[in-house]
Amino acid sequence: MQRIWIVLGCIGLFAVIVIFVAKSSYNGLATSAKDIDQQWAQVLSDYKSRAHLVWNLVDTVSGVATFDKSALTALIHARNSVGTIKVTDSAPNDASTLQQFEQAQDNLSNALSRLMVVAENDPQLKSNQGFLDLKAQLDGTENRIAIERDKFNQAVQDYNNRVVGFPTMIVAHMGGFAAKPCFSAAP
């Protein structure tokens, strides 16, 4: 009879350990997923901030009569294409959605860079304080975007490592937690 109690005690202890590990794994995955969503919201905020600055830049540059309009048109087109990509406040779970978003943002960055190169050759813009202020704000925003993208990628990497690690991978599979895509490295 005493053996039965020992066996039942061992089974009970094992069950408690399994439940504790499962609960801990699930909570860790849920927390990591929320961290990704928070970091994604910061990335979106910085991209939206840049988009607003781009419109202000367009208004400033379009007032200069001598400015090359092709670079400005390319920037307006790239800015509008960014708005056609629908992303939510929660981090994308689909790599193709993130890739479309990233491609549109890269196109905007390229158009913005071309505009800045053309603007450097325009003496009227180089002396316009409003333009210089917007350029400084855009430089700061681009730096924040790079930092927040890196933080987002780190949060995704930490989460993805949890998803594939044992024994958390069992809980991840049962709980519907799947690996998430990262931003690719900037060229």
N, C-alpha and C. Protein backbone atom coordinates (compact mmCIF):
# COMPACT_ATOMS: atom_id res chain seq x y z
N MET A 1 0.81 -1.19 0.00
CA MET A 1 0.00 0.00 0.00
C MET A 1 0.86 1.26 0.00
N GLN A 2 1.97 1.17 0.71
CA GLN A 2 2.85 2.32 0.79
C GLN A 2 3.49 2.62 -0.57
N ARG A 3 3.75 1.59 -1.36
CA ARG A 3 4.31 1.78 -2.70
C ARG A 3 3.34 2.55 -3.58
N ILE A 4 2.09 2.27 -3.47
CA ILE A 4 1.07 2.96 -4.28
C ILE A 4 1.11 4.45 -3.98
N TRP A 5 1.22 4.80 -2.70
CA TRP A 5 1.26 6.22 -2.31
C TRP A 5 2.53 6.89 -2.84
N ILE A 6 3.61 6.17 -2.83
CA ILE A 6 4.87 6.72 -3.36
C ILE A 6 4.75 6.94 -4.86
N VAL A 7 4.20 5.95 -5.57
CA VAL A 7 4.01 6.07 -7.02
C VAL A 7 3.06 7.22 -7.33
N LEU A 8 1.94 7.30 -6.61
CA LEU A 8 0.98 8.39 -6.83
C LEU A 8 1.60 9.75 -6.50
N GLY A 9 2.41 9.79 -5.47
CA GLY A 9 3.11 11.03 -5.12
C GLY A 9 4.07 11.46 -6.22
N CYS A 10 4.80 10.50 -6.78
CA CYS A 10 5.72 10.81 -7.88
C CYS A 10 4.96 11.27 -9.12
N ILE A 11 3.87 10.60 -9.43
CA ILE A 11 3.04 11.01 -10.58
C ILE A 11 2.48 12.42 -10.34
N GLY A 12 2.00 12.67 -9.14
CA GLY A 12 1.48 14.00 -8.80
C GLY A 12 2.55 15.07 -8.92
N LEU A 13 3.73 14.78 -8.41
CA LEU A 13 4.84 15.73 -8.50
C LEU A 13 5.21 15.99 -9.95
N PHE A 14 5.26 14.93 -10.75
CA PHE A 14 5.55 15.08 -12.17
C PHE A 14 4.49 15.94 -12.85
N ALA A 15 3.23 15.71 -12.52
CA ALA A 15 2.13 16.49 -13.12
C ALA A 15 2.25 17.97 -12.74
N VAL A 16 2.59 18.24 -11.50
CA VAL A 16 2.76 19.63 -11.05
C VAL A 16 3.91 20.29 -11.81
N ILE A 17 5.00 19.58 -12.00
CA ILE A 17 6.15 20.12 -12.73
C ILE A 17 5.76 20.41 -14.19
N VAL A 18 5.06 19.46 -14.82
CA VAL A 18 4.64 19.65 -16.21
C VAL A 18 3.71 20.86 -16.32
N ILE A 19 2.77 20.99 -15.41
CA ILE A 19 1.85 22.13 -15.44
C ILE A 19 2.61 23.43 -15.23
N PHE A 20 3.54 23.45 -14.30
CA PHE A 20 4.34 24.65 -14.05
C PHE A 20 5.15 25.05 -15.29
N VAL A 21 5.80 24.07 -15.92
CA VAL A 21 6.60 24.34 -17.12
C VAL A 21 5.70 24.83 -18.26
N ALA A 22 4.55 24.20 -18.45
CA ALA A 22 3.63 24.60 -19.50
C ALA A 22 3.12 26.02 -19.27
N LYS A 23 2.73 26.32 -18.03
CA LYS A 23 2.24 27.66 -17.70
C LYS A 23 3.33 28.69 -17.92
N SER A 24 4.51 28.41 -17.47
CA SER A 24 5.63 29.32 -17.61
C SER A 24 5.97 29.54 -19.08
N SER A 25 5.98 28.48 -19.85
CA SER A 25 6.28 28.58 -21.29
C SER A 25 5.22 29.41 -22.00
N TYR A 26 3.96 29.13 -21.71
CA TYR A 26 2.87 29.87 -22.36
C TYR A 26 2.94 31.35 -22.01
N ASN A 27 3.13 31.65 -20.75
CA ASN A 27 3.20 33.05 -20.32
C ASN A 27 4.40 33.76 -20.95
N GLY A 28 5.51 33.06 -21.06
CA GLY A 28 6.69 33.64 -21.70
C GLY A 28 6.45 33.94 -23.18
N LEU A 29 5.77 33.02 -23.86
CA LEU A 29 5.45 33.24 -25.28
C LEU A 29 4.47 34.41 -25.44
N ALA A 30 3.47 34.45 -24.59
CA ALA A 30 2.48 35.53 -24.67
C ALA A 30 3.13 36.88 -24.40
N THR A 31 4.01 36.94 -23.42
CA THR A 31 4.72 38.19 -23.12
C THR A 31 5.62 38.60 -24.28
N SER A 32 6.32 37.64 -24.86
CA SER A 32 7.18 37.95 -26.01
C SER A 32 6.37 38.43 -27.20
N ALA A 33 5.22 37.84 -27.43
CA ALA A 33 4.35 38.27 -28.54
C ALA A 33 3.87 39.71 -28.30
N LYS A 34 3.53 40.04 -27.07
CA LYS A 34 3.12 41.41 -26.74
C LYS A 34 4.28 42.38 -26.91
N ASP A 35 5.48 41.96 -26.54
CA ASP A 35 6.67 42.80 -26.74
C ASP A 35 6.86 43.12 -28.22
N ILE A 36 6.65 42.14 -29.06
CA ILE A 36 6.77 42.35 -30.51
C ILE A 36 5.73 43.36 -30.98
N ASP A 37 4.50 43.20 -30.51
CA ASP A 37 3.44 44.14 -30.91
C ASP A 37 3.75 45.56 -30.46
N GLN A 38 4.29 45.70 -29.25
CA GLN A 38 4.66 47.04 -28.76
C GLN A 38 5.79 47.62 -29.60
N GLN A 39 6.75 46.82 -29.94
CA GLN A 39 7.86 47.32 -30.74
C GLN A 39 7.39 47.65 -32.16
N TRP A 40 6.47 46.86 -32.68
CA TRP A 40 5.91 47.12 -34.01
C TRP A 40 5.17 48.46 -34.01
N ALA A 41 4.44 48.74 -32.94
CA ALA A 41 3.72 50.01 -32.83
C ALA A 41 4.71 51.17 -32.86
N GLN A 42 5.86 51.00 -32.24
CA GLN A 42 6.88 52.05 -32.26
C GLN A 42 7.45 52.24 -33.66
N VAL A 43 7.68 51.13 -34.37
CA VAL A 43 8.17 51.20 -35.75
C VAL A 43 7.16 51.95 -36.61
N LEU A 44 5.89 51.58 -36.49
CA LEU A 44 4.84 52.26 -37.27
C LEU A 44 4.77 53.74 -36.93
N SER A 45 4.89 54.07 -35.67
CA SER A 45 4.84 55.47 -35.25
C SER A 45 5.95 56.27 -35.91
N ASP A 46 7.15 55.72 -35.95
CA ASP A 46 8.26 56.43 -36.57
C ASP A 46 8.07 56.55 -38.09
N TYR A 47 7.55 55.52 -38.71
CA TYR A 47 7.28 55.60 -40.15
C TYR A 47 6.19 56.63 -40.44
N LYS A 48 5.17 56.69 -39.60
CA LYS A 48 4.11 57.68 -39.78
C LYS A 48 4.65 59.09 -39.58
N SER A 49 5.54 59.24 -38.63
CA SER A 49 6.17 60.52 -38.39
C SER A 49 6.95 60.96 -39.63
N ARG A 50 7.66 60.03 -40.23
CA ARG A 50 8.39 60.34 -41.45
C ARG A 50 7.44 60.73 -42.57
N ALA A 51 6.33 60.03 -42.69
CA ALA A 51 5.36 60.33 -43.75
C ALA A 51 4.84 61.77 -43.62
N HIS A 52 4.57 62.20 -42.39
CA HIS A 52 4.10 63.57 -42.18
C HIS A 52 5.19 64.58 -42.55
N LEU A 53 6.41 64.27 -42.18
CA LEU A 53 7.51 65.16 -42.54
C LEU A 53 7.70 65.23 -44.05
N VAL A 54 7.47 64.11 -44.73
CA VAL A 54 7.60 64.10 -46.20
C VAL A 54 6.58 65.05 -46.81
N TRP A 55 5.35 65.05 -46.32
CA TRP A 55 4.34 65.97 -46.87
C TRP A 55 4.76 67.41 -46.63
N ASN A 56 5.30 67.71 -45.46
CA ASN A 56 5.78 69.07 -45.19
C ASN A 56 6.94 69.42 -46.12
N LEU A 57 7.79 68.46 -46.38
CA LEU A 57 8.91 68.68 -47.28
C LEU A 57 8.41 68.94 -48.70
N VAL A 58 7.43 68.18 -49.13
CA VAL A 58 6.84 68.37 -50.46
C VAL A 58 6.29 69.78 -50.59
N ASP A 59 5.56 70.23 -49.57
CA ASP A 59 5.01 71.60 -49.59
C ASP A 59 6.12 72.63 -49.68
N THR A 60 7.18 72.45 -48.94
CA THR A 60 8.29 73.41 -48.94
C THR A 60 9.01 73.42 -50.28
N VAL A 61 9.30 72.24 -50.79
CA VAL A 61 10.06 72.13 -52.04
C VAL A 61 9.22 72.57 -53.24
N SER A 62 7.94 72.27 -53.24
CA SER A 62 7.11 72.62 -54.40
C SER A 62 6.96 74.13 -54.55
N GLY A 63 7.24 74.89 -53.50
CA GLY A 63 7.17 76.35 -53.59
C GLY A 63 8.38 76.96 -54.27
N VAL A 64 9.41 76.18 -54.53
CA VAL A 64 10.61 76.69 -55.18
C VAL A 64 10.47 76.49 -56.68
N ALA A 65 10.41 77.59 -57.41
CA ALA A 65 10.13 77.54 -58.85
C ALA A 65 11.24 76.87 -59.65
N THR A 66 12.49 77.00 -59.21
CA THR A 66 13.61 76.48 -59.98
C THR A 66 13.90 75.00 -59.70
N PHE A 67 13.15 74.39 -58.81
CA PHE A 67 13.46 73.02 -58.38
C PHE A 67 13.04 72.00 -59.43
N ASP A 68 13.85 70.96 -59.59
CA ASP A 68 13.57 69.86 -60.52
C ASP A 68 12.36 69.08 -60.02
N LYS A 69 11.30 69.13 -60.79
CA LYS A 69 10.02 68.54 -60.36
C LYS A 69 9.98 67.01 -60.47
N SER A 70 10.88 66.40 -61.24
CA SER A 70 10.82 64.94 -61.40
C SER A 70 11.13 64.22 -60.08
N ALA A 71 12.10 64.74 -59.33
CA ALA A 71 12.43 64.14 -58.04
C ALA A 71 11.26 64.30 -57.07
N LEU A 72 10.61 65.45 -57.14
CA LEU A 72 9.45 65.70 -56.28
C LEU A 72 8.29 64.78 -56.63
N THR A 73 8.06 64.59 -57.92
CA THR A 73 6.98 63.69 -58.37
C THR A 73 7.25 62.26 -57.93
N ALA A 74 8.50 61.82 -58.02
CA ALA A 74 8.86 60.47 -57.58
C ALA A 74 8.62 60.30 -56.08
N LEU A 75 8.93 61.35 -55.32
CA LEU A 75 8.72 61.29 -53.87
C LEU A 75 7.22 61.21 -53.55
N ILE A 76 6.41 62.02 -54.23
CA ILE A 76 4.96 62.01 -54.00
C ILE A 76 4.39 60.63 -54.35
N HIS A 77 4.83 60.07 -55.46
CA HIS A 77 4.35 58.74 -55.86
C HIS A 77 4.74 57.68 -54.83
N ALA A 78 5.99 57.73 -54.36
CA ALA A 78 6.45 56.75 -53.36
C ALA A 78 5.68 56.93 -52.05
N ARG A 79 5.43 58.16 -51.65
CA ARG A 79 4.68 58.43 -50.42
C ARG A 79 3.26 57.89 -50.53
N ASN A 80 2.64 58.07 -51.69
CA ASN A 80 1.28 57.56 -51.88
C ASN A 80 1.25 56.03 -51.89
N SER A 81 2.29 55.40 -52.43
CA SER A 81 2.30 53.93 -52.47
C SER A 81 2.44 53.34 -51.07
N VAL A 82 3.09 54.07 -50.17
CA VAL A 82 3.20 53.60 -48.79
C VAL A 82 1.81 53.50 -48.17
N GLY A 83 0.95 54.44 -48.50
CA GLY A 83 -0.40 54.45 -47.94
C GLY A 83 -1.29 53.32 -48.44
N THR A 84 -0.91 52.68 -49.54
CA THR A 84 -1.73 51.60 -50.07
C THR A 84 -1.48 50.27 -49.37
N ILE A 85 -0.37 50.15 -48.65
CA ILE A 85 -0.06 48.92 -47.91
C ILE A 85 -0.82 48.96 -46.59
N LYS A 86 -1.67 48.00 -46.40
CA LYS A 86 -2.48 47.95 -45.18
C LYS A 86 -1.79 47.07 -44.14
N VAL A 87 -1.40 47.72 -43.06
CA VAL A 87 -0.80 46.99 -41.94
C VAL A 87 -1.59 47.33 -40.68
N THR A 88 -1.60 46.41 -39.76
CA THR A 88 -2.33 46.62 -38.51
C THR A 88 -1.36 47.04 -37.43
N ASP A 89 -1.91 47.38 -36.27
CA ASP A 89 -1.07 47.76 -35.14
C ASP A 89 -0.37 46.57 -34.52
N SER A 90 -0.86 45.37 -34.81
CA SER A 90 -0.15 44.19 -34.31
C SER A 90 0.85 43.75 -35.38
N ALA A 91 1.95 43.21 -34.95
CA ALA A 91 3.03 42.84 -35.86
C ALA A 91 2.53 41.84 -36.90
N PRO A 92 3.02 41.99 -38.12
CA PRO A 92 2.59 41.05 -39.16
C PRO A 92 3.08 39.63 -38.89
N ASN A 93 2.21 38.69 -39.14
CA ASN A 93 2.56 37.28 -38.98
C ASN A 93 2.97 36.66 -40.31
N ASP A 94 2.72 37.40 -41.38
CA ASP A 94 2.97 36.90 -42.72
C ASP A 94 4.19 37.63 -43.30
N ALA A 95 5.16 36.87 -43.74
CA ALA A 95 6.39 37.46 -44.27
C ALA A 95 6.13 38.30 -45.51
N SER A 96 5.16 37.91 -46.35
CA SER A 96 4.90 38.68 -47.57
C SER A 96 4.30 40.05 -47.25
N THR A 97 3.47 40.14 -46.22
CA THR A 97 2.92 41.44 -45.81
C THR A 97 4.04 42.35 -45.33
N LEU A 98 4.92 41.82 -44.51
CA LEU A 98 6.04 42.62 -44.02
C LEU A 98 6.95 43.02 -45.18
N GLN A 99 7.15 42.12 -46.12
CA GLN A 99 8.01 42.42 -47.26
C GLN A 99 7.40 43.54 -48.13
N GLN A 100 6.09 43.51 -48.34
CA GLN A 100 5.42 44.58 -49.11
C GLN A 100 5.57 45.92 -48.39
N PHE A 101 5.34 45.91 -47.09
CA PHE A 101 5.48 47.12 -46.29
C PHE A 101 6.91 47.64 -46.37
N GLU A 102 7.86 46.74 -46.21
CA GLU A 102 9.27 47.12 -46.24
C GLU A 102 9.66 47.66 -47.61
N GLN A 103 9.18 47.04 -48.68
CA GLN A 103 9.50 47.50 -50.04
C GLN A 103 8.96 48.90 -50.28
N ALA A 104 7.73 49.16 -49.85
CA ALA A 104 7.14 50.49 -50.02
C ALA A 104 7.93 51.53 -49.23
N GLN A 105 8.33 51.19 -48.02
CA GLN A 105 9.11 52.11 -47.20
C GLN A 105 10.50 52.34 -47.81
N ASP A 106 11.10 51.30 -48.36
CA ASP A 106 12.41 51.44 -49.01
C ASP A 106 12.30 52.33 -50.25
N ASN A 107 11.20 52.18 -51.01
CA ASN A 107 10.99 53.04 -52.17
C ASN A 107 10.87 54.50 -51.76
N LEU A 108 10.17 54.74 -50.66
CA LEU A 108 10.04 56.10 -50.15
C LEU A 108 11.40 56.64 -49.71
N SER A 109 12.19 55.81 -49.04
CA SER A 109 13.53 56.22 -48.61
C SER A 109 14.40 56.58 -49.81
N ASN A 110 14.33 55.76 -50.87
CA ASN A 110 15.12 56.02 -52.07
C ASN A 110 14.69 57.32 -52.74
N ALA A 111 13.37 57.53 -52.85
CA ALA A 111 12.86 58.76 -53.47
C ALA A 111 13.26 59.98 -52.63
N LEU A 112 13.21 59.82 -51.33
CA LEU A 112 13.59 60.90 -50.43
C LEU A 112 15.09 61.23 -50.58
N SER A 113 15.90 60.20 -50.71
CA SER A 113 17.34 60.40 -50.91
C SER A 113 17.61 61.12 -52.23
N ARG A 114 16.91 60.72 -53.30
CA ARG A 114 17.08 61.40 -54.59
C ARG A 114 16.69 62.87 -54.50
N LEU A 115 15.59 63.13 -53.79
CA LEU A 115 15.15 64.52 -53.63
C LEU A 115 16.20 65.32 -52.87
N MET A 116 16.77 64.74 -51.83
CA MET A 116 17.78 65.46 -51.05
C MET A 116 19.03 65.75 -51.87
N VAL A 117 19.43 64.84 -52.74
CA VAL A 117 20.59 65.07 -53.60
C VAL A 117 20.31 66.25 -54.54
N VAL A 118 19.12 66.26 -55.14
CA VAL A 118 18.74 67.36 -56.03
C VAL A 118 18.66 68.66 -55.24
N ALA A 119 18.11 68.61 -54.04
CA ALA A 119 17.96 69.80 -53.21
C ALA A 119 19.31 70.40 -52.82
N GLU A 120 20.31 69.56 -52.64
CA GLU A 120 21.64 70.06 -52.28
C GLU A 120 22.22 70.96 -53.37
N ASN A 121 21.77 70.77 -54.60
CA ASN A 121 22.27 71.56 -55.71
C ASN A 121 21.43 72.80 -55.98
N ASP A 122 20.39 73.01 -55.21
CA ASP A 122 19.52 74.17 -55.40
C ASP A 122 19.84 75.22 -54.34
N PRO A 123 20.45 76.35 -54.75
CA PRO A 123 20.86 77.35 -53.76
C PRO A 123 19.68 77.96 -53.01
N GLN A 124 18.52 78.03 -53.66
CA GLN A 124 17.35 78.60 -53.00
C GLN A 124 16.89 77.71 -51.84
N LEU A 125 16.93 76.41 -52.04
CA LEU A 125 16.53 75.48 -50.98
C LEU A 125 17.58 75.40 -49.89
N LYS A 126 18.85 75.42 -50.27
CA LYS A 126 19.92 75.32 -49.28
C LYS A 126 19.90 76.49 -48.30
N SER A 127 19.30 77.60 -48.72
CA SER A 127 19.23 78.76 -47.83
C SER A 127 17.87 78.90 -47.16
N ASN A 128 16.93 78.00 -47.45
CA ASN A 128 15.58 78.05 -46.89
C ASN A 128 15.60 77.39 -45.51
N GLN A 129 15.34 78.17 -44.47
CA GLN A 129 15.42 77.64 -43.09
C GLN A 129 14.37 76.55 -42.84
N GLY A 130 13.19 76.70 -43.43
CA GLY A 130 12.16 75.67 -43.27
C GLY A 130 12.61 74.34 -43.85
N PHE A 131 13.25 74.39 -45.01
CA PHE A 131 13.77 73.18 -45.62
C PHE A 131 14.87 72.56 -44.76
N LEU A 132 15.77 73.40 -44.27
CA LEU A 132 16.87 72.90 -43.44
C LEU A 132 16.35 72.26 -42.16
N ASP A 133 15.32 72.85 -41.56
CA ASP A 133 14.72 72.28 -40.35
C ASP A 133 14.07 70.93 -40.65
N LEU A 134 13.34 70.85 -41.76
CA LEU A 134 12.70 69.58 -42.14
C LEU A 134 13.76 68.51 -42.43
N LYS A 135 14.83 68.91 -43.08
CA LYS A 135 15.91 67.96 -43.38
C LYS A 135 16.50 67.40 -42.08
N ALA A 136 16.72 68.26 -41.11
CA ALA A 136 17.26 67.81 -39.82
C ALA A 136 16.28 66.88 -39.11
N GLN A 137 14.99 67.22 -39.16
CA GLN A 137 13.98 66.36 -38.54
C GLN A 137 13.91 65.01 -39.25
N LEU A 138 14.01 65.02 -40.57
CA LEU A 138 13.99 63.76 -41.32
C LEU A 138 15.21 62.90 -41.00
N ASP A 139 16.35 63.53 -40.86
CA ASP A 139 17.56 62.77 -40.49
C ASP A 139 17.37 62.08 -39.14
N GLY A 140 16.82 62.82 -38.18
CA GLY A 140 16.56 62.23 -36.86
C GLY A 140 15.54 61.11 -36.92
N THR A 141 14.51 61.31 -37.73
CA THR A 141 13.47 60.29 -37.87
C THR A 141 14.03 59.03 -38.53
N GLU A 142 14.88 59.20 -39.53
CA GLU A 142 15.49 58.04 -40.19
C GLU A 142 16.34 57.25 -39.20
N ASN A 143 17.05 57.96 -38.33
CA ASN A 143 17.85 57.27 -37.30
C ASN A 143 16.95 56.51 -36.34
N ARG A 144 15.84 57.13 -35.91
CA ARG A 144 14.90 56.44 -35.00
C ARG A 144 14.29 55.22 -35.68
N ILE A 145 13.97 55.33 -36.96
CA ILE A 145 13.42 54.18 -37.69
C ILE A 145 14.42 53.03 -37.67
N ALA A 146 15.68 53.32 -37.95
CA ALA A 146 16.71 52.26 -37.96
C ALA A 146 16.83 51.62 -36.58
N ILE A 147 16.81 52.43 -35.54
CA ILE A 147 16.92 51.89 -34.18
C ILE A 147 15.71 51.03 -33.83
N GLU A 148 14.52 51.52 -34.13
CA GLU A 148 13.30 50.78 -33.78
C GLU A 148 13.16 49.51 -34.61
N ARG A 149 13.60 49.54 -35.87
CA ARG A 149 13.58 48.32 -36.67
C ARG A 149 14.50 47.28 -36.05
N ASP A 150 15.68 47.72 -35.60
CA ASP A 150 16.61 46.79 -34.94
C ASP A 150 16.00 46.21 -33.67
N LYS A 151 15.35 47.06 -32.88
CA LYS A 151 14.70 46.57 -31.65
C LYS A 151 13.57 45.60 -31.99
N PHE A 152 12.82 45.89 -33.04
CA PHE A 152 11.75 44.99 -33.47
C PHE A 152 12.34 43.64 -33.87
N ASN A 153 13.39 43.67 -34.68
CA ASN A 153 14.03 42.42 -35.11
C ASN A 153 14.57 41.62 -33.93
N GLN A 154 15.11 42.32 -32.93
CA GLN A 154 15.61 41.63 -31.73
C GLN A 154 14.47 40.98 -30.96
N ALA A 155 13.35 41.70 -30.84
CA ALA A 155 12.18 41.14 -30.14
C ALA A 155 11.65 39.91 -30.89
N VAL A 156 11.62 39.98 -32.21
CA VAL A 156 11.16 38.85 -33.02
C VAL A 156 12.13 37.68 -32.88
N GLN A 157 13.42 37.97 -32.91
CA GLN A 157 14.41 36.90 -32.77
C GLN A 157 14.29 36.21 -31.41
N ASP A 158 14.11 37.00 -30.35
CA ASP A 158 13.94 36.41 -29.01
C ASP A 158 12.70 35.52 -28.96
N TYR A 159 11.61 36.01 -29.52
CA TYR A 159 10.35 35.25 -29.56
C TYR A 159 10.54 33.97 -30.38
N ASN A 160 11.12 34.10 -31.58
CA ASN A 160 11.30 32.93 -32.45
C ASN A 160 12.21 31.88 -31.79
N ASN A 161 13.20 32.33 -31.04
CA ASN A 161 14.05 31.38 -30.31
C ASN A 161 13.24 30.62 -29.26
N ARG A 162 12.31 31.30 -28.62
CA ARG A 162 11.44 30.62 -27.65
C ARG A 162 10.55 29.59 -28.33
N VAL A 163 10.01 29.99 -29.49
CA VAL A 163 9.07 29.12 -30.21
C VAL A 163 9.72 27.79 -30.61
N VAL A 164 11.00 27.81 -30.92
CA VAL A 164 11.65 26.58 -31.38
C VAL A 164 12.41 25.85 -30.27
N GLY A 165 12.52 26.47 -29.10
CA GLY A 165 13.25 25.84 -27.99
C GLY A 165 12.40 24.80 -27.26
N PHE A 166 13.07 23.78 -26.77
CA PHE A 166 12.38 22.72 -26.02
C PHE A 166 12.38 23.09 -24.55
N PRO A 167 11.32 22.90 -23.82
CA PRO A 167 10.03 22.29 -24.13
C PRO A 167 8.98 23.30 -24.60
N THR A 168 9.39 24.57 -24.72
CA THR A 168 8.43 25.61 -25.09
C THR A 168 7.81 25.34 -26.45
N MET A 169 8.54 24.71 -27.34
CA MET A 169 8.01 24.42 -28.68
C MET A 169 6.73 23.59 -28.61
N ILE A 170 6.61 22.73 -27.63
CA ILE A 170 5.39 21.92 -27.48
C ILE A 170 4.22 22.83 -27.13
N VAL A 171 4.43 23.71 -26.18
CA VAL A 171 3.39 24.65 -25.77
C VAL A 171 3.08 25.61 -26.91
N ALA A 172 4.11 26.05 -27.65
CA ALA A 172 3.91 26.97 -28.78
C ALA A 172 3.02 26.33 -29.83
N HIS A 173 3.29 25.08 -30.13
CA HIS A 173 2.48 24.36 -31.13
C HIS A 173 1.04 24.22 -30.66
N MET A 174 0.87 23.83 -29.41
CA MET A 174 -0.48 23.64 -28.87
C MET A 174 -1.21 24.97 -28.70
N GLY A 175 -0.48 26.04 -28.42
CA GLY A 175 -1.10 27.35 -28.18
C GLY A 175 -1.23 28.20 -29.43
N GLY A 176 -0.80 27.70 -30.58
CA GLY A 176 -0.92 28.46 -31.81
C GLY A 176 0.11 29.56 -32.00
N PHE A 177 1.23 29.46 -31.29
CA PHE A 177 2.30 30.44 -31.45
C PHE A 177 3.21 29.98 -32.59
N ALA A 178 3.36 30.83 -33.59
CA ALA A 178 4.22 30.48 -34.72
C ALA A 178 5.32 31.53 -34.86
N ALA A 179 6.38 31.16 -35.54
CA ALA A 179 7.49 32.10 -35.77
C ALA A 179 6.98 33.30 -36.55
N LYS A 180 7.60 34.45 -36.31
CA LYS A 180 7.21 35.71 -36.95
C LYS A 180 8.36 36.19 -37.84
N PRO A 181 8.02 36.94 -38.89
CA PRO A 181 9.07 37.44 -39.80
C PRO A 181 9.75 38.69 -39.23
N CYS A 182 10.98 38.89 -39.65
CA CYS A 182 11.77 40.07 -39.30
C CYS A 182 11.90 40.98 -40.51
N PHE A 183 12.31 42.21 -40.28
CA PHE A 183 12.73 43.06 -41.37
C PHE A 183 14.02 42.48 -41.93
N SER A 184 14.19 42.56 -43.23
CA SER A 184 15.46 42.12 -43.78
C SER A 184 16.47 43.24 -43.62
N ALA A 185 17.71 42.91 -43.77
CA ALA A 185 18.76 43.91 -43.59
C ALA A 185 18.66 44.97 -44.69
N ALA A 186 18.87 46.20 -44.31
CA ALA A 186 18.84 47.29 -45.29
C ALA A 186 20.02 47.13 -46.24
N PRO A 187 19.78 47.36 -47.53
CA PRO A 187 20.88 47.21 -48.49
C PRO A 187 21.95 48.26 -48.29
